N, C-alpha and C. Protein backbone atom coordinates (compact mmCIF):
# COMPACT_ATOMS: atom_id res chain seq x y z
N UNK A 1 -12.82 -222.95 -14.29
CA UNK A 1 -12.76 -221.88 -15.25
C UNK A 1 -11.70 -220.87 -14.80
N UNK A 2 -10.97 -220.31 -15.77
CA UNK A 2 -9.96 -219.30 -15.49
C UNK A 2 -10.34 -218.00 -16.19
N UNK A 3 -10.30 -216.90 -15.45
CA UNK A 3 -10.57 -215.59 -16.01
C UNK A 3 -9.29 -214.75 -15.91
N UNK A 4 -8.78 -214.32 -17.06
CA UNK A 4 -7.55 -213.54 -17.14
C UNK A 4 -7.90 -212.06 -17.20
N UNK A 5 -7.21 -211.24 -16.36
CA UNK A 5 -7.51 -209.81 -16.34
C UNK A 5 -6.25 -208.97 -16.26
N UNK A 6 -6.25 -207.90 -17.04
CA UNK A 6 -5.30 -206.81 -16.91
C UNK A 6 -6.14 -205.57 -16.67
N UNK A 7 -6.41 -205.24 -15.40
CA UNK A 7 -7.32 -204.14 -15.09
C UNK A 7 -6.89 -202.83 -15.75
N UNK A 8 -7.87 -202.05 -16.21
CA UNK A 8 -7.54 -200.79 -16.87
C UNK A 8 -6.89 -199.76 -15.95
N UNK A 9 -7.03 -199.93 -14.63
CA UNK A 9 -6.45 -198.98 -13.69
C UNK A 9 -5.07 -199.44 -13.18
N UNK A 10 -4.47 -200.41 -13.88
CA UNK A 10 -3.12 -200.89 -13.58
C UNK A 10 -2.33 -200.79 -14.89
N UNK A 11 -1.03 -200.52 -14.80
CA UNK A 11 -0.21 -200.38 -16.01
C UNK A 11 -0.30 -201.61 -16.90
N UNK A 12 -0.09 -201.42 -18.18
CA UNK A 12 -0.08 -202.52 -19.14
C UNK A 12 1.09 -203.44 -18.81
N UNK A 13 0.93 -204.77 -18.87
CA UNK A 13 2.05 -205.68 -18.60
C UNK A 13 3.26 -205.34 -19.46
N UNK A 14 4.44 -205.39 -18.85
CA UNK A 14 5.68 -205.02 -19.52
C UNK A 14 6.29 -206.15 -20.33
N UNK A 15 5.74 -207.34 -20.22
CA UNK A 15 6.28 -208.51 -20.92
C UNK A 15 5.15 -209.53 -21.04
N UNK A 16 5.52 -210.79 -21.24
CA UNK A 16 4.54 -211.86 -21.42
C UNK A 16 4.01 -212.34 -20.07
N UNK A 17 3.08 -211.57 -19.50
CA UNK A 17 2.41 -211.99 -18.27
C UNK A 17 1.06 -211.30 -18.18
N UNK A 18 0.23 -211.81 -17.27
CA UNK A 18 -1.09 -211.26 -16.98
C UNK A 18 -1.08 -210.79 -15.53
N UNK A 19 -1.72 -209.68 -15.24
CA UNK A 19 -1.73 -209.17 -13.86
C UNK A 19 -2.49 -210.09 -12.90
N UNK A 20 -3.60 -210.67 -13.34
CA UNK A 20 -4.36 -211.53 -12.43
C UNK A 20 -5.10 -212.62 -13.20
N UNK A 21 -5.24 -213.74 -12.53
CA UNK A 21 -6.02 -214.85 -13.07
C UNK A 21 -6.90 -215.36 -11.94
N UNK A 22 -8.19 -215.32 -12.17
CA UNK A 22 -9.13 -215.86 -11.19
C UNK A 22 -9.44 -217.30 -11.59
N UNK A 23 -9.25 -218.21 -10.65
CA UNK A 23 -9.53 -219.63 -10.90
C UNK A 23 -10.77 -220.01 -10.12
N UNK A 24 -11.76 -220.52 -10.84
CA UNK A 24 -13.00 -220.95 -10.21
C UNK A 24 -13.14 -222.46 -10.39
N UNK A 25 -13.64 -223.11 -9.38
CA UNK A 25 -13.81 -224.57 -9.40
C UNK A 25 -14.88 -224.96 -10.42
N UNK A 26 -14.89 -226.15 -10.93
CA UNK A 26 -13.98 -227.24 -10.56
C UNK A 26 -12.72 -227.22 -11.43
N UNK A 27 -11.59 -227.26 -10.79
CA UNK A 27 -10.30 -227.28 -11.47
C UNK A 27 -9.41 -228.34 -10.80
N UNK A 28 -8.49 -228.86 -11.57
CA UNK A 28 -7.44 -229.68 -10.98
C UNK A 28 -6.18 -228.85 -10.98
N UNK A 29 -5.42 -228.92 -9.90
CA UNK A 29 -4.24 -228.09 -9.70
C UNK A 29 -2.98 -228.93 -9.79
N UNK A 30 -1.92 -228.32 -10.29
CA UNK A 30 -0.60 -228.94 -10.31
C UNK A 30 0.39 -227.90 -9.80
N UNK A 31 1.17 -228.25 -8.80
CA UNK A 31 2.19 -227.37 -8.25
C UNK A 31 3.54 -228.02 -8.51
N UNK A 32 4.44 -227.27 -9.15
CA UNK A 32 5.77 -227.79 -9.46
C UNK A 32 6.81 -227.21 -8.50
N UNK A 33 7.69 -228.06 -8.03
CA UNK A 33 8.87 -227.58 -7.32
C UNK A 33 9.71 -226.77 -8.28
N UNK A 34 10.64 -226.02 -7.75
CA UNK A 34 11.51 -225.23 -8.61
C UNK A 34 12.25 -226.11 -9.60
N UNK A 35 12.13 -225.76 -10.87
CA UNK A 35 12.80 -226.50 -11.94
C UNK A 35 14.10 -225.79 -12.29
N UNK A 36 15.19 -226.53 -12.23
CA UNK A 36 16.51 -225.98 -12.50
C UNK A 36 16.85 -226.08 -13.98
N UNK A 37 17.93 -225.45 -14.36
CA UNK A 37 18.44 -225.57 -15.71
C UNK A 37 19.30 -226.80 -15.87
N UNK A 38 18.85 -227.93 -15.33
CA UNK A 38 19.58 -229.20 -15.40
C UNK A 38 18.93 -230.09 -16.45
N UNK A 39 19.77 -230.60 -17.35
CA UNK A 39 19.27 -231.46 -18.42
C UNK A 39 18.95 -232.85 -17.90
N UNK A 40 18.25 -233.61 -18.72
CA UNK A 40 17.80 -234.95 -18.32
C UNK A 40 18.95 -235.84 -17.88
N UNK A 41 20.13 -235.66 -18.48
CA UNK A 41 21.28 -236.50 -18.12
C UNK A 41 22.02 -235.99 -16.88
N UNK A 42 21.50 -234.94 -16.24
CA UNK A 42 22.09 -234.42 -15.02
C UNK A 42 23.12 -233.33 -15.23
N UNK A 43 23.42 -233.01 -16.46
CA UNK A 43 24.39 -231.94 -16.72
C UNK A 43 23.71 -230.58 -16.64
N UNK A 44 24.51 -229.58 -16.31
CA UNK A 44 24.03 -228.21 -16.20
C UNK A 44 24.87 -227.35 -17.15
N UNK A 45 24.24 -226.72 -18.14
CA UNK A 45 25.01 -225.87 -19.06
C UNK A 45 25.67 -224.70 -18.30
N UNK A 46 26.83 -224.28 -18.77
CA UNK A 46 27.52 -223.13 -18.18
C UNK A 46 26.78 -221.83 -18.49
N UNK A 47 26.19 -221.75 -19.68
CA UNK A 47 25.54 -220.54 -20.15
C UNK A 47 24.21 -220.31 -19.40
N UNK A 48 24.08 -219.21 -18.66
CA UNK A 48 22.85 -218.95 -17.92
C UNK A 48 21.60 -218.89 -18.82
N UNK A 49 21.74 -218.36 -20.03
CA UNK A 49 20.59 -218.28 -20.94
C UNK A 49 20.15 -219.69 -21.36
N UNK A 50 21.12 -220.57 -21.55
CA UNK A 50 20.78 -221.97 -21.88
C UNK A 50 20.10 -222.62 -20.68
N UNK A 51 20.56 -222.30 -19.46
CA UNK A 51 19.90 -222.83 -18.26
C UNK A 51 18.44 -222.38 -18.21
N UNK A 52 18.17 -221.14 -18.59
CA UNK A 52 16.80 -220.64 -18.60
C UNK A 52 15.95 -221.46 -19.57
N UNK A 53 16.48 -221.73 -20.74
CA UNK A 53 15.78 -222.53 -21.74
C UNK A 53 15.52 -223.95 -21.21
N UNK A 54 16.53 -224.55 -20.61
CA UNK A 54 16.40 -225.92 -20.07
C UNK A 54 15.38 -225.95 -18.92
N UNK A 55 15.41 -224.95 -18.05
CA UNK A 55 14.46 -224.92 -16.93
C UNK A 55 13.03 -224.82 -17.45
N UNK A 56 12.80 -223.99 -18.47
CA UNK A 56 11.46 -223.91 -19.06
C UNK A 56 11.08 -225.24 -19.70
N UNK A 57 12.03 -225.89 -20.36
CA UNK A 57 11.75 -227.20 -20.96
C UNK A 57 11.35 -228.20 -19.86
N UNK A 58 12.00 -228.12 -18.70
CA UNK A 58 11.64 -229.01 -17.59
C UNK A 58 10.23 -228.72 -17.07
N UNK A 59 9.83 -227.44 -17.07
CA UNK A 59 8.45 -227.10 -16.70
C UNK A 59 7.49 -227.76 -17.68
N UNK A 60 7.77 -227.62 -18.97
CA UNK A 60 6.91 -228.21 -20.01
C UNK A 60 6.83 -229.72 -19.85
N UNK A 61 7.94 -230.38 -19.60
CA UNK A 61 7.96 -231.85 -19.42
C UNK A 61 7.12 -232.27 -18.22
N UNK A 62 7.20 -231.49 -17.13
CA UNK A 62 6.37 -231.78 -15.96
C UNK A 62 4.89 -231.61 -16.27
N UNK A 63 4.55 -230.55 -16.98
CA UNK A 63 3.15 -230.35 -17.37
C UNK A 63 2.66 -231.52 -18.21
N UNK A 64 3.45 -231.91 -19.19
CA UNK A 64 3.06 -233.02 -20.07
C UNK A 64 2.87 -234.31 -19.28
N UNK A 65 3.73 -234.55 -18.30
CA UNK A 65 3.63 -235.77 -17.49
C UNK A 65 2.32 -235.81 -16.70
N UNK A 66 1.74 -234.63 -16.45
CA UNK A 66 0.46 -234.54 -15.73
C UNK A 66 -0.72 -234.36 -16.68
N UNK A 67 -0.48 -234.48 -17.99
CA UNK A 67 -1.56 -234.30 -18.96
C UNK A 67 -1.97 -232.85 -19.12
N UNK A 68 -1.05 -231.94 -18.86
CA UNK A 68 -1.33 -230.50 -18.99
C UNK A 68 -0.44 -229.89 -20.06
N UNK A 69 -0.73 -228.63 -20.39
CA UNK A 69 0.02 -227.91 -21.40
C UNK A 69 0.46 -226.56 -20.85
N UNK A 70 1.31 -225.88 -21.58
CA UNK A 70 1.82 -224.57 -21.17
C UNK A 70 0.68 -223.58 -20.93
N UNK A 71 -0.42 -223.72 -21.67
CA UNK A 71 -1.57 -222.83 -21.50
C UNK A 71 -2.28 -223.03 -20.17
N UNK A 72 -1.98 -224.13 -19.47
CA UNK A 72 -2.58 -224.37 -18.16
C UNK A 72 -1.85 -223.65 -17.03
N UNK A 73 -0.68 -223.07 -17.31
CA UNK A 73 0.05 -222.34 -16.28
C UNK A 73 -0.76 -221.14 -15.81
N UNK A 74 -0.79 -220.92 -14.50
CA UNK A 74 -1.42 -219.73 -13.96
C UNK A 74 -0.43 -218.86 -13.19
N UNK A 75 0.69 -219.42 -12.74
CA UNK A 75 1.66 -218.63 -11.97
C UNK A 75 3.06 -219.20 -12.15
N UNK A 76 3.99 -218.32 -12.48
CA UNK A 76 5.41 -218.67 -12.55
C UNK A 76 6.19 -217.73 -11.65
N UNK A 77 7.14 -218.28 -10.92
CA UNK A 77 8.12 -217.47 -10.21
C UNK A 77 9.48 -217.89 -10.76
N UNK A 78 10.18 -216.93 -11.35
CA UNK A 78 11.45 -217.19 -12.01
C UNK A 78 12.56 -216.54 -11.19
N UNK A 79 13.51 -217.35 -10.75
CA UNK A 79 14.65 -216.86 -9.97
C UNK A 79 15.88 -216.90 -10.86
N UNK A 80 16.59 -215.76 -10.97
CA UNK A 80 17.79 -215.67 -11.79
C UNK A 80 18.96 -215.17 -10.95
N UNK A 81 20.13 -215.76 -11.19
CA UNK A 81 21.36 -215.37 -10.50
C UNK A 81 22.32 -214.83 -11.54
N UNK A 82 22.85 -213.64 -11.32
CA UNK A 82 23.86 -213.09 -12.22
C UNK A 82 23.26 -212.25 -13.33
N UNK A 83 24.09 -212.00 -14.34
CA UNK A 83 23.71 -211.12 -15.45
C UNK A 83 22.94 -211.88 -16.52
N UNK A 84 21.81 -211.33 -16.93
CA UNK A 84 20.99 -211.87 -18.02
C UNK A 84 20.63 -210.70 -18.92
N UNK A 85 20.99 -210.79 -20.19
CA UNK A 85 20.59 -209.77 -21.15
C UNK A 85 19.06 -209.70 -21.18
N UNK A 86 18.50 -208.52 -20.97
CA UNK A 86 17.05 -208.37 -20.86
C UNK A 86 16.35 -208.84 -22.14
N UNK A 87 16.83 -208.45 -23.30
CA UNK A 87 16.18 -208.83 -24.56
C UNK A 87 16.25 -210.34 -24.79
N UNK A 88 17.40 -210.94 -24.53
CA UNK A 88 17.53 -212.40 -24.70
C UNK A 88 16.64 -213.13 -23.71
N UNK A 89 16.64 -212.65 -22.47
CA UNK A 89 15.79 -213.27 -21.43
C UNK A 89 14.33 -213.22 -21.84
N UNK A 90 13.86 -212.06 -22.28
CA UNK A 90 12.46 -211.94 -22.70
C UNK A 90 12.17 -212.82 -23.90
N UNK A 91 13.12 -212.96 -24.81
CA UNK A 91 12.92 -213.80 -26.00
C UNK A 91 12.75 -215.27 -25.59
N UNK A 92 13.57 -215.74 -24.67
CA UNK A 92 13.45 -217.14 -24.22
C UNK A 92 12.11 -217.35 -23.53
N UNK A 93 11.77 -216.47 -22.60
CA UNK A 93 10.52 -216.61 -21.86
C UNK A 93 9.33 -216.55 -22.81
N UNK A 94 9.34 -215.58 -23.72
CA UNK A 94 8.23 -215.43 -24.67
C UNK A 94 8.11 -216.61 -25.62
N UNK A 95 9.20 -217.30 -25.88
CA UNK A 95 9.14 -218.46 -26.78
C UNK A 95 8.36 -219.62 -26.15
N UNK A 96 8.25 -219.63 -24.83
CA UNK A 96 7.51 -220.70 -24.14
C UNK A 96 6.07 -220.30 -23.82
N UNK A 97 5.86 -219.05 -23.44
CA UNK A 97 4.55 -218.65 -22.96
C UNK A 97 3.63 -218.27 -24.11
N UNK A 98 2.38 -218.69 -23.98
CA UNK A 98 1.35 -218.41 -24.98
C UNK A 98 0.23 -217.61 -24.32
N UNK A 99 -0.45 -216.80 -25.12
CA UNK A 99 -1.63 -216.08 -24.60
C UNK A 99 -2.76 -217.06 -24.38
N UNK A 100 -3.55 -216.88 -23.37
CA UNK A 100 -3.42 -215.86 -22.33
C UNK A 100 -2.25 -216.20 -21.41
N UNK A 101 -1.46 -215.19 -21.08
CA UNK A 101 -0.24 -215.39 -20.31
C UNK A 101 -0.53 -215.67 -18.84
N UNK A 102 0.34 -216.47 -18.19
CA UNK A 102 0.20 -216.68 -16.74
C UNK A 102 0.65 -215.44 -15.98
N UNK A 103 0.39 -215.41 -14.70
CA UNK A 103 0.98 -214.41 -13.82
C UNK A 103 2.45 -214.79 -13.64
N UNK A 104 3.33 -213.79 -13.65
CA UNK A 104 4.77 -214.07 -13.58
C UNK A 104 5.43 -213.10 -12.61
N UNK A 105 6.30 -213.64 -11.76
CA UNK A 105 7.18 -212.84 -10.92
C UNK A 105 8.60 -213.26 -11.27
N UNK A 106 9.46 -212.28 -11.56
CA UNK A 106 10.86 -212.55 -11.90
C UNK A 106 11.73 -211.88 -10.84
N UNK A 107 12.61 -212.66 -10.23
CA UNK A 107 13.47 -212.15 -9.17
C UNK A 107 14.93 -212.35 -9.52
N UNK A 108 15.72 -211.31 -9.34
CA UNK A 108 17.17 -211.40 -9.46
C UNK A 108 17.67 -211.61 -8.03
N UNK A 109 18.32 -212.76 -7.79
CA UNK A 109 18.72 -213.10 -6.43
C UNK A 109 20.23 -213.35 -6.36
N UNK A 110 20.76 -213.46 -5.14
CA UNK A 110 22.20 -213.63 -4.93
C UNK A 110 22.67 -215.04 -5.25
N UNK A 111 21.87 -216.07 -4.93
CA UNK A 111 22.32 -217.44 -5.14
C UNK A 111 21.16 -218.41 -5.06
N UNK A 112 21.38 -219.59 -5.63
CA UNK A 112 20.46 -220.72 -5.49
C UNK A 112 21.16 -221.79 -4.65
N UNK A 113 20.72 -223.04 -4.72
CA UNK A 113 21.22 -224.11 -3.85
C UNK A 113 22.74 -224.30 -3.95
N UNK A 114 23.29 -224.22 -5.15
CA UNK A 114 24.74 -224.31 -5.35
C UNK A 114 25.13 -223.30 -6.44
N UNK A 115 26.37 -222.87 -6.47
CA UNK A 115 26.79 -221.83 -7.41
C UNK A 115 26.61 -222.18 -8.89
N UNK A 116 26.55 -223.44 -9.25
CA UNK A 116 26.41 -223.82 -10.66
C UNK A 116 25.06 -223.42 -11.23
N UNK A 117 24.02 -223.37 -10.37
CA UNK A 117 22.67 -223.06 -10.83
C UNK A 117 22.46 -221.55 -10.94
N UNK A 118 21.97 -221.13 -12.09
CA UNK A 118 21.69 -219.71 -12.34
C UNK A 118 20.21 -219.44 -12.55
N UNK A 119 19.40 -220.52 -12.62
CA UNK A 119 17.96 -220.39 -12.91
C UNK A 119 17.17 -221.42 -12.11
N UNK A 120 16.02 -220.98 -11.59
CA UNK A 120 15.05 -221.90 -11.00
C UNK A 120 13.67 -221.32 -11.28
N UNK A 121 12.73 -222.18 -11.69
CA UNK A 121 11.38 -221.74 -12.03
C UNK A 121 10.37 -222.57 -11.26
N UNK A 122 9.56 -221.90 -10.43
CA UNK A 122 8.43 -222.54 -9.76
C UNK A 122 7.18 -222.29 -10.60
N UNK A 123 6.27 -223.25 -10.61
CA UNK A 123 5.08 -223.10 -11.45
C UNK A 123 3.85 -223.69 -10.78
N UNK A 124 2.72 -223.02 -11.06
CA UNK A 124 1.40 -223.50 -10.69
C UNK A 124 0.58 -223.60 -11.98
N UNK A 125 -0.17 -224.67 -12.08
CA UNK A 125 -1.04 -224.85 -13.26
C UNK A 125 -2.41 -225.27 -12.77
N UNK A 126 -3.43 -224.91 -13.56
CA UNK A 126 -4.82 -225.30 -13.26
C UNK A 126 -5.49 -225.67 -14.55
N UNK A 127 -6.25 -226.76 -14.50
CA UNK A 127 -6.95 -227.25 -15.69
C UNK A 127 -8.36 -227.65 -15.29
N UNK A 128 -9.29 -227.42 -16.18
CA UNK A 128 -10.66 -227.82 -15.91
C UNK A 128 -10.72 -229.30 -15.58
N UNK A 129 -11.46 -229.65 -14.57
CA UNK A 129 -11.60 -231.06 -14.18
C UNK A 129 -12.22 -231.89 -15.29
N UNK A 130 -12.94 -231.25 -16.19
CA UNK A 130 -13.58 -231.96 -17.30
C UNK A 130 -12.60 -232.30 -18.41
N UNK A 131 -11.37 -231.70 -18.36
CA UNK A 131 -10.39 -231.92 -19.44
C UNK A 131 -9.80 -233.32 -19.38
């Protein structure tokens, strides 16, 4: 079972995320390595916003491969390199996330594994063992 909370003594979430999610057993867990903005054919779009979209699509594909859905996400860590328009970034992220929202940390960093990559997303998901 998952319990989503935005405590009244903490500021209201500024975007599509939840402050805390309590996971109680029995649950099955899925941990994803960082998903890049690399398409299935191995190409990487030049546009950082397109990379963000592709990286989220890769998260979704991984969830589906494990029999899970976007609603099973409990934690995302999003790493971004370079300039990202805040409104466009929020629009892309919001287009993937559904309520109840997962916990999300977004970091603006200097670099990823190679200069071509502008986005990496780590994810944790939990689903009832009965599902």
